[in-house]
Amino acid sequence: METNSYQRLILSEKKRLKEFGYFFALGMVILSALSLWRGWAWPVRAAAMTVGLGSFTLALVYYQFLKVPYLIVSSIGKFFGKVLVVILFTIVFYGLFTPIAFILRLSGKDVIKNNSLEPKWIDIPSEQNNPKQIEKLF
């Protein structure tokens, strides 16, 4: 049982690293095509093609060499993801909720404050308010 789950873990890691190698190589090919289209310097094109070809070759031949680049790229992605979430939520809060609050305040409407002094209960008939119904809900 234990070896089977260990083998699944190894296959999962192998698949993840190979996918990273293929997609990283695809990204480098796109970057080199963009550099060719925009007329960037040849060292940029050569570096992008070399890194892409190396990543693709490692994904095909020996995927375990991709573990360190995978960890580096994924940690950079996690960092930028956290930063972008904070920036996006800040923009949404101050760009959407704050103007709505100012408009409601200027119009004199207070959504939070409860103006009633007595509770507003809903009258339920006594046949619906049977404690035996709660014991057997289904």
Protein backbone atom coordinates (compact mmCIF):
# COMPACT_ATOMS: atom_id res chain seq x y z
CA MET A 1 0.00 0.00 0.00
CA GLU A 2 2.76 2.39 0.95
CA THR A 3 4.81 1.72 -2.18
CA ASN A 4 1.76 2.32 -4.37
CA SER A 5 1.14 5.80 -2.92
CA TYR A 6 4.88 6.53 -3.15
CA GLN A 7 4.87 5.53 -6.81
CA ARG A 8 1.85 7.77 -7.44
CA LEU A 9 3.71 10.64 -5.77
CA ILE A 10 6.74 10.07 -7.99
CA LEU A 11 4.56 9.90 -11.12
CA SER A 12 2.75 13.07 -10.08
CA GLU A 13 6.04 14.90 -9.55
CA LYS A 14 7.38 13.57 -12.85
CA LYS A 15 4.30 14.76 -14.70
CA ARG A 16 4.41 18.19 -13.02
CA LEU A 17 8.10 18.72 -13.82
CA LYS A 18 7.71 17.56 -17.42
CA GLU A 19 4.73 19.88 -17.94
CA PHE A 20 6.75 22.72 -16.47
CA GLY A 21 9.60 21.95 -18.89
CA TYR A 22 7.30 21.89 -21.91
CA PHE A 23 5.41 25.05 -21.02
CA PHE A 24 8.56 26.91 -20.04
CA ALA A 25 10.07 25.96 -23.40
CA LEU A 26 6.90 27.16 -25.13
CA GLY A 27 7.14 30.45 -23.26
CA MET A 28 10.74 30.88 -24.33
CA VAL A 29 9.82 30.15 -27.97
CA ILE A 30 7.08 32.80 -27.75
CA LEU A 31 9.57 35.23 -26.20
CA SER A 32 12.10 34.58 -28.95
CA ALA A 33 9.41 35.01 -31.64
CA LEU A 34 8.40 38.28 -30.00
CA SER A 35 12.01 39.41 -29.92
CA LEU A 36 12.38 38.54 -33.60
CA TRP A 37 9.20 40.43 -34.46
CA ARG A 38 10.09 43.51 -32.40
CA GLY A 39 13.72 43.55 -33.56
CA TRP A 40 15.41 43.08 -30.22
CA ALA A 41 19.13 42.39 -29.97
CA TRP A 42 20.36 38.95 -31.00
CA PRO A 43 21.63 38.01 -27.48
CA VAL A 44 18.05 38.17 -26.19
CA ARG A 45 16.84 35.91 -29.01
CA ALA A 46 19.75 33.52 -28.56
CA ALA A 47 19.28 33.32 -24.79
CA ALA A 48 15.54 32.71 -25.09
CA MET A 49 16.01 29.99 -27.71
CA THR A 50 18.84 28.35 -25.75
CA VAL A 51 16.89 28.30 -22.49
CA GLY A 52 13.77 27.05 -24.29
CA LEU A 53 15.65 24.29 -26.11
CA GLY A 54 17.43 23.30 -22.91
CA SER A 55 14.17 23.17 -20.98
CA PHE A 56 12.51 21.07 -23.65
CA THR A 57 15.49 18.72 -23.82
CA LEU A 58 15.60 18.30 -20.06
CA ALA A 59 11.87 17.60 -19.96
CA LEU A 60 12.36 14.84 -22.51
CA VAL A 61 15.61 13.35 -21.24
CA TYR A 62 16.11 13.97 -17.52
CA TYR A 63 13.24 15.84 -15.90
CA GLN A 64 14.77 15.90 -12.39
CA PHE A 65 17.14 18.71 -13.39
CA LEU A 66 14.04 20.91 -13.73
CA LYS A 67 13.24 20.72 -10.01
CA VAL A 68 15.30 23.79 -9.03
CA PRO A 69 14.01 26.05 -11.86
CA TYR A 70 10.48 24.85 -11.08
CA LEU A 71 10.83 25.82 -7.42
CA ILE A 72 12.31 29.21 -8.33
CA VAL A 73 9.65 30.06 -10.90
CA SER A 74 6.78 28.83 -8.72
CA SER A 75 8.01 30.82 -5.70
CA ILE A 76 8.30 33.96 -7.84
CA GLY A 77 4.78 33.30 -9.15
CA LYS A 78 3.41 32.87 -5.63
CA PHE A 79 5.04 36.12 -4.52
CA PHE A 80 3.66 38.11 -7.45
CA GLY A 81 0.28 36.46 -6.97
CA LYS A 82 0.09 37.64 -3.36
CA VAL A 83 1.20 41.14 -4.29
CA LEU A 84 -1.31 41.40 -7.14
CA VAL A 85 -4.16 40.17 -4.94
CA VAL A 86 -3.43 42.90 -2.39
CA ILE A 87 -3.23 45.56 -5.11
CA LEU A 88 -6.39 44.33 -6.83
CA PHE A 89 -8.43 44.17 -3.63
CA THR A 90 -7.21 47.62 -2.61
CA ILE A 91 -8.29 49.05 -5.96
CA VAL A 92 -11.67 47.33 -5.73
CA PHE A 93 -12.24 48.52 -2.17
CA TYR A 94 -11.26 52.14 -2.69
CA GLY A 95 -12.56 52.34 -6.25
CA LEU A 96 -15.93 50.67 -5.72
CA PHE A 97 -17.01 50.53 -2.09
CA THR A 98 -15.74 53.93 -0.94
CA PRO A 99 -17.64 55.94 -3.60
CA ILE A 100 -20.80 53.97 -2.85
CA ALA A 101 -20.40 54.76 0.85
CA PHE A 102 -19.90 58.47 0.12
CA ILE A 103 -22.99 58.58 -2.12
CA LEU A 104 -25.08 56.84 0.53
CA ARG A 105 -23.74 59.18 3.23
CA LEU A 106 -24.51 62.28 1.14
CA SER A 107 -28.02 61.04 0.43
CA GLY A 108 -28.61 60.52 4.15
CA LYS A 109 -29.18 56.81 3.90
CA ASP A 110 -27.67 54.65 6.63
CA VAL A 111 -27.86 50.99 5.71
CA ILE A 112 -26.25 49.68 8.87
CA LYS A 113 -28.24 51.59 11.46
CA ASN A 114 -31.51 49.98 12.49
CA ASN A 115 -34.05 52.75 13.02
CA SER A 116 -36.73 50.62 14.67
CA LEU A 117 -36.96 50.39 18.44
CA GLU A 118 -39.14 47.28 18.50
CA PRO A 119 -38.31 43.91 16.94
CA LYS A 120 -40.08 42.94 13.77
CA TRP A 121 -41.10 39.36 14.39
CA ILE A 122 -42.71 37.16 11.79
CA ASP A 123 -45.86 35.52 13.09
CA ILE A 124 -45.83 31.77 12.47
CA PRO A 125 -48.96 29.68 12.95
CA SER A 126 -48.78 27.23 15.85
CA GLU A 127 -49.15 24.17 13.59
CA GLN A 128 -45.92 25.13 11.81
CA ASN A 129 -44.15 25.80 15.11
CA ASN A 130 -44.31 22.18 16.26
CA PRO A 131 -41.16 20.98 18.12
CA LYS A 132 -41.76 17.42 16.85
CA GLN A 133 -40.99 18.55 13.29
CA ILE A 134 -37.45 19.48 14.32
CA GLU A 135 -36.70 15.99 15.61
CA LYS A 136 -37.31 14.38 12.21
CA LEU A 137 -36.30 16.82 9.54
CA PHE A 138 -36.04 14.19 6.78
